[in-house]
Amino acid sequence: MTQVLRKFNAFVEGYSTHLEVEEVTPPNVRDQVETIKAGGLIAEYDVSLGLQKLEAGIKLNSRQKALMNQVGLAPGVHKMITFRGVGISEIDGSQQDEVMSITGRLNMDQGNWQAQSTVTTDYKIGSILFYKHVINGTVVHHIDLKNFICIVDGVDRWADLRGGLGF
């Protein structure tokens, strides 16, 4: 059914941004490809070599100290960020809950300070090591870079490769 996103929230290390979050940018899962040209092909062909780097973002309409304290941490320190959204069908009124869990590093663009206007703060989430997207209890994506896991539509696409590498 057609689901329209009605409300959403972002949590950073458990802190709810529901009073100031304006925009959330979920990670895009995309193939990392290399184009090959072989003598037996009639055209170039893109070969998937894994996934592109995962990135996400949060835009707030305030300067939030709780999030600012999560930026510029020591190397190797990653934070848990959770996006939650609720979609409601325009057809039958059914509700669809979405949860995206991310482990990554926050970077901040503080924007400009202007008289008589709100300050917009952009947080980019990079160095993502873990990403899981669940809709109504069903896993859509489960990507764990450190443990070589990539579950898409209930199937671990890298299980055979992981086994071949001895993981």
C-alpha atoms as a PDB file:
ATOM      1  CA  MET A   1       0.000   0.000   0.000  1.00  0.00           C
ATOM      2  CA  THR A   2       1.035   3.609  -0.513  1.00  0.00           C
ATOM      3  CA  GLN A   3       2.813   4.783   2.628  1.00  0.00           C
ATOM      4  CA  VAL A   4       3.349   8.491   3.275  1.00  0.00           C
ATOM      5  CA  LEU A   5       6.019   9.345   5.845  1.00  0.00           C
ATOM      6  CA  ARG A   6       4.140  11.332   8.511  1.00  0.00           C
ATOM      7  CA  LYS A   7       6.664  11.784  11.309  1.00  0.00           C
ATOM      8  CA  PHE A   8      10.291  10.918  11.925  1.00  0.00           C
ATOM      9  CA  ASN A   9      12.954  11.272  14.566  1.00  0.00           C
ATOM     10  CA  ALA A  10      16.682  10.817  15.006  1.00  0.00           C
ATOM     11  CA  PHE A  11      18.394   9.590  18.155  1.00  0.00           C
ATOM     12  CA  VAL A  12      22.122  10.148  18.710  1.00  0.00           C
ATOM     13  CA  GLU A  13      23.524   8.030  21.517  1.00  0.00           C
ATOM     14  CA  GLY A  14      19.991   7.900  22.941  1.00  0.00           C
ATOM     15  CA  TYR A  15      19.344  11.662  22.728  1.00  0.00           C
ATOM     16  CA  SER A  16      16.023  12.338  20.940  1.00  0.00           C
ATOM     17  CA  THR A  17      16.106  15.200  18.425  1.00  0.00           C
ATOM     18  CA  HIS A  18      12.316  15.203  17.919  1.00  0.00           C
ATOM     19  CA  LEU A  19      11.963  18.885  18.901  1.00  0.00           C
ATOM     20  CA  GLU A  20      14.625  20.157  16.488  1.00  0.00           C
ATOM     21  CA  VAL A  21      15.154  17.659  13.655  1.00  0.00           C
ATOM     22  CA  GLU A  22      14.158  19.073  10.261  1.00  0.00           C
ATOM     23  CA  GLU A  23      15.643  16.557   7.895  1.00  0.00           C
ATOM     24  CA  VAL A  24      17.159  13.087   7.905  1.00  0.00           C
ATOM     25  CA  THR A  25      19.240  11.638   5.075  1.00  0.00           C
ATOM     26  CA  PRO A  26      19.358   7.826   5.288  1.00  0.00           C
ATOM     27  CA  PRO A  27      22.319   5.898   3.870  1.00  0.00           C
ATOM     28  CA  ASN A  28      22.060   4.957   0.198  1.00  0.00           C
ATOM     29  CA  VAL A  29      22.994   1.355  -0.544  1.00  0.00           C
ATOM     30  CA  ARG A  30      24.741   1.390  -3.923  1.00  0.00           C
ATOM     31  CA  ASP A  31      26.987  -1.003  -5.811  1.00  0.00           C
ATOM     32  CA  GLN A  32      30.664  -0.170  -6.130  1.00  0.00           C
ATOM     33  CA  VAL A  33      31.210  -1.004  -9.781  1.00  0.00           C
ATOM     34  CA  GLU A  34      34.013  -1.231 -12.263  1.00  0.00           C
ATOM     35  CA  THR A  35      33.351  -1.208 -15.980  1.00  0.00           C
ATOM     36  CA  ILE A  36      34.853  -4.028 -18.017  1.00  0.00           C
ATOM     37  CA  LYS A  37      35.281  -4.323 -21.749  1.00  0.00           C
ATOM     38  CA  ALA A  38      35.949  -7.824 -22.966  1.00  0.00           C
ATOM     39  CA  GLY A  39      36.453  -9.130 -26.475  1.00  0.00           C
ATOM     40  CA  GLY A  40      33.402 -11.377 -26.219  1.00  0.00           C
ATOM     41  CA  LEU A  41      30.989  -8.657 -25.036  1.00  0.00           C
ATOM     42  CA  ILE A  42      29.057  -6.440 -27.414  1.00  0.00           C
ATOM     43  CA  ALA A  43      29.049  -3.571 -24.899  1.00  0.00           C
ATOM     44  CA  GLU A  44      30.733  -2.426 -21.724  1.00  0.00           C
ATOM     45  CA  TYR A  45      29.459  -4.061 -18.540  1.00  0.00           C
ATOM     46  CA  ASP A  46      29.529  -2.892 -14.904  1.00  0.00           C
ATOM     47  CA  VAL A  47      30.789  -5.509 -12.457  1.00  0.00           C
ATOM     48  CA  SER A  48      29.786  -5.076  -8.813  1.00  0.00           C
ATOM     49  CA  LEU A  49      32.772  -5.268  -6.471  1.00  0.00           C
ATOM     50  CA  GLY A  50      30.875  -4.644  -3.242  1.00  0.00           C
ATOM     51  CA  LEU A  51      29.176  -1.535  -1.892  1.00  0.00           C
ATOM     52  CA  GLN A  52      29.976   2.151  -1.991  1.00  0.00           C
ATOM     53  CA  LYS A  53      30.789   3.974   1.203  1.00  0.00           C
ATOM     54  CA  LEU A  54      27.704   4.564   3.362  1.00  0.00           C
ATOM     55  CA  GLU A  55      26.895   8.125   4.429  1.00  0.00           C
ATOM     56  CA  ALA A  56      23.917   9.705   6.204  1.00  0.00           C
ATOM     57  CA  GLY A  57      22.905  13.038   7.707  1.00  0.00           C
ATOM     58  CA  ILE A  58      20.742  14.949  10.153  1.00  0.00           C
ATOM     59  CA  LYS A  59      19.702  18.606   9.917  1.00  0.00           C
ATOM     60  CA  LEU A  60      18.633  20.416  13.092  1.00  0.00           C
ATOM     61  CA  ASN A  61      17.050  23.837  13.504  1.00  0.00           C
ATOM     62  CA  SER A  62      19.026  24.513  16.689  1.00  0.00           C
ATOM     63  CA  ARG A  63      22.478  24.355  18.208  1.00  0.00           C
ATOM     64  CA  GLN A  64      22.339  21.228  20.327  1.00  0.00           C
ATOM     65  CA  LYS A  65      25.195  20.732  22.791  1.00  0.00           C
ATOM     66  CA  ALA A  66      24.324  17.034  23.251  1.00  0.00           C
ATOM     67  CA  LEU A  67      25.124  16.420  19.569  1.00  0.00           C
ATOM     68  CA  MET A  68      28.057  18.835  19.385  1.00  0.00           C
ATOM     69  CA  ASN A  69      29.727  16.736  22.090  1.00  0.00           C
ATOM     70  CA  GLN A  70      29.639  13.729  19.710  1.00  0.00           C
ATOM     71  CA  VAL A  71      31.829  15.442  17.070  1.00  0.00           C
ATOM     72  CA  GLY A  72      35.624  15.380  16.864  1.00  0.00           C
ATOM     73  CA  LEU A  73      36.140  12.262  18.951  1.00  0.00           C
ATOM     74  CA  ALA A  74      39.274  10.140  19.061  1.00  0.00           C
ATOM     75  CA  PRO A  75      40.039   7.866  16.095  1.00  0.00           C
ATOM     76  CA  GLY A  76      38.114   4.599  16.207  1.00  0.00           C
ATOM     77  CA  VAL A  77      35.279   6.015  18.334  1.00  0.00           C
ATOM     78  CA  HIS A  78      31.910   5.522  16.631  1.00  0.00           C
ATOM     79  CA  LYS A  79      28.452   6.518  17.819  1.00  0.00           C
ATOM     80  CA  MET A  80      25.040   4.858  17.529  1.00  0.00           C
ATOM     81  CA  ILE A  81      22.492   6.862  15.553  1.00  0.00           C
ATOM     82  CA  THR A  82      18.912   5.650  15.076  1.00  0.00           C
ATOM     83  CA  PHE A  83      16.351   7.022  12.638  1.00  0.00           C
ATOM     84  CA  ARG A  84      12.700   6.181  13.262  1.00  0.00           C
ATOM     85  CA  GLY A  85       9.816   6.987  10.951  1.00  0.00           C
ATOM     86  CA  VAL A  86       6.093   6.332  10.759  1.00  0.00           C
ATOM     87  CA  GLY A  87       4.280   6.004   7.458  1.00  0.00           C
ATOM     88  CA  ILE A  88       0.513   5.873   7.107  1.00  0.00           C
ATOM     89  CA  SER A  89      -1.281   4.510   4.063  1.00  0.00           C
ATOM     90  CA  GLU A  90      -3.512   6.882   2.146  1.00  0.00           C
ATOM     91  CA  ILE A  91      -5.450   3.828   0.946  1.00  0.00           C
ATOM     92  CA  ASP A  92      -6.400   1.997   4.143  1.00  0.00           C
ATOM     93  CA  GLY A  93      -4.878   4.008   7.030  1.00  0.00           C
ATOM     94  CA  SER A  94      -2.471   1.227   8.046  1.00  0.00           C
ATOM     95  CA  GLN A  95       0.721   2.226   9.834  1.00  0.00           C
ATOM     96  CA  GLN A  96       4.238   1.230   8.765  1.00  0.00           C
ATOM     97  CA  ASP A  97       7.094   1.695  11.246  1.00  0.00           C
ATOM     98  CA  GLU A  98      10.679   2.054  10.049  1.00  0.00           C
ATOM     99  CA  VAL A  99      13.864   1.873  12.111  1.00  0.00           C
ATOM    100  CA  MET A 100      17.361   2.499  10.772  1.00  0.00           C
ATOM    101  CA  SER A 101      20.302   1.817  13.086  1.00  0.00           C
ATOM    102  CA  ILE A 102      23.705   3.236  12.172  1.00  0.00           C
ATOM    103  CA  THR A 103      27.119   3.124  13.800  1.00  0.00           C
ATOM    104  CA  GLY A 104      29.351   5.893  12.492  1.00  0.00           C
ATOM    105  CA  ARG A 105      31.131   9.167  13.157  1.00  0.00           C
ATOM    106  CA  LEU A 106      29.480  12.597  13.281  1.00  0.00           C
ATOM    107  CA  ASN A 107      30.849  15.681  11.573  1.00  0.00           C
ATOM    108  CA  MET A 108      29.206  19.075  11.896  1.00  0.00           C
ATOM    109  CA  ASP A 109      28.578  22.111   9.697  1.00  0.00           C
ATOM    110  CA  GLN A 110      27.434  24.840  12.084  1.00  0.00           C
ATOM    111  CA  GLY A 111      25.944  27.036   9.368  1.00  0.00           C
ATOM    112  CA  ASN A 112      25.730  30.807   9.670  1.00  0.00           C
ATOM    113  CA  TRP A 113      24.471  32.869  12.561  1.00  0.00           C
ATOM    114  CA  GLN A 114      21.967  35.470  11.402  1.00  0.00           C
ATOM    115  CA  ALA A 115      19.967  37.987  13.377  1.00  0.00           C
ATOM    116  CA  GLN A 116      16.321  37.084  13.946  1.00  0.00           C
ATOM    117  CA  SER A 117      16.535  33.620  12.381  1.00  0.00           C
ATOM    118  CA  THR A 118      17.038  30.071  13.515  1.00  0.00           C
ATOM    119  CA  VAL A 119      20.420  28.459  13.096  1.00  0.00           C
ATOM    120  CA  THR A 120      20.516  25.305  10.991  1.00  0.00           C
ATOM    121  CA  THR A 121      23.140  22.752  11.966  1.00  0.00           C
ATOM    122  CA  ASP A 122      24.011  19.950   9.534  1.00  0.00           C
ATOM    123  CA  TYR A 123      25.501  16.720  10.847  1.00  0.00           C
ATOM    124  CA  LYS A 124      27.063  14.314   8.379  1.00  0.00           C
ATOM    125  CA  ILE A 125      27.446  10.714   9.460  1.00  0.00           C
ATOM    126  CA  GLY A 126      30.479   9.074   7.881  1.00  0.00           C
ATOM    127  CA  SER A 127      32.759   6.124   8.577  1.00  0.00           C
ATOM    128  CA  ILE A 128      29.627   3.982   8.857  1.00  0.00           C
ATOM    129  CA  LEU A 129      30.540   0.462   9.931  1.00  0.00           C
ATOM    130  CA  PHE A 130      27.033  -0.835  10.648  1.00  0.00           C
ATOM    131  CA  TYR A 131      23.649  -0.152   9.044  1.00  0.00           C
ATOM    132  CA  LYS A 132      20.366  -1.962   9.599  1.00  0.00           C
ATOM    133  CA  HIS A 133      17.002  -0.952   8.118  1.00  0.00           C
ATOM    134  CA  VAL A 134      13.844  -2.640   9.408  1.00  0.00           C
ATOM    135  CA  ILE A 135      10.291  -2.009   8.156  1.00  0.00           C
ATOM    136  CA  ASN A 136       7.456  -3.413  10.290  1.00  0.00           C
ATOM    137  CA  GLY A 137       9.819  -5.958  11.823  1.00  0.00           C
ATOM    138  CA  THR A 138      11.232  -7.170   8.483  1.00  0.00           C
ATOM    139  CA  VAL A 139      14.929  -6.580   7.770  1.00  0.00           C
ATOM    140  CA  VAL A 140      15.429  -4.741   4.479  1.00  0.00           C
ATOM    141  CA  HIS A 141      19.217  -4.239   4.821  1.00  0.00           C
ATOM    142  CA  HIS A 142      21.697  -5.419   7.436  1.00  0.00           C
ATOM    143  CA  ILE A 143      25.226  -4.339   6.559  1.00  0.00           C
ATOM    144  CA  ASP A 144      28.089  -4.951   8.974  1.00  0.00           C
ATOM    145  CA  LEU A 145      31.413  -4.039   7.355  1.00  0.00           C
ATOM    146  CA  LYS A 146      33.668  -5.344  10.149  1.00  0.00           C
ATOM    147  CA  ASN A 147      31.970  -8.738  10.235  1.00  0.00           C
ATOM    148  CA  PHE A 148      31.519  -9.034   6.428  1.00  0.00           C
ATOM    149  CA  ILE A 149      27.726  -9.293   6.596  1.00  0.00           C
ATOM    150  CA  CYS A 150      25.351  -7.993   3.919  1.00  0.00           C
ATOM    151  CA  ILE A 151      21.774  -9.197   4.322  1.00  0.00           C
ATOM    152  CA  VAL A 152      19.370  -7.995   1.635  1.00  0.00           C
ATOM    153  CA  ASP A 153      15.782  -9.228   1.559  1.00  0.00           C
ATOM    154  CA  GLY A 154      16.569 -11.901   4.164  1.00  0.00           C
ATOM    155  CA  VAL A 155      19.588 -13.362   2.351  1.00  0.00           C
ATOM    156  CA  ASP A 156      23.194 -12.850   3.453  1.00  0.00           C
ATOM    157  CA  ARG A 157      24.727 -12.008   0.082  1.00  0.00           C
ATOM    158  CA  TRP A 158      28.290 -12.328   1.388  1.00  0.00           C
ATOM    159  CA  ALA A 159      27.938 -15.573   3.376  1.00  0.00           C
ATOM    160  CA  ASP A 160      29.753 -17.721   0.776  1.00  0.00           C
ATOM    161  CA  LEU A 161      32.547 -15.145   0.388  1.00  0.00           C
ATOM    162  CA  ARG A 162      32.870 -14.897   4.169  1.00  0.00           C
ATOM    163  CA  GLY A 163      33.199 -18.666   4.382  1.00  0.00           C
ATOM    164  CA  GLY A 164      35.746 -18.721   1.563  1.00  0.00           C
ATOM    165  CA  LEU A 165      37.840 -16.160   3.459  1.00  0.00           C
ATOM    166  CA  GLY A 166      37.684 -18.219   6.649  1.00  0.00           C
ATOM    167  CA  PHE A 167      35.480 -15.853   8.670  1.00  0.00           C
END
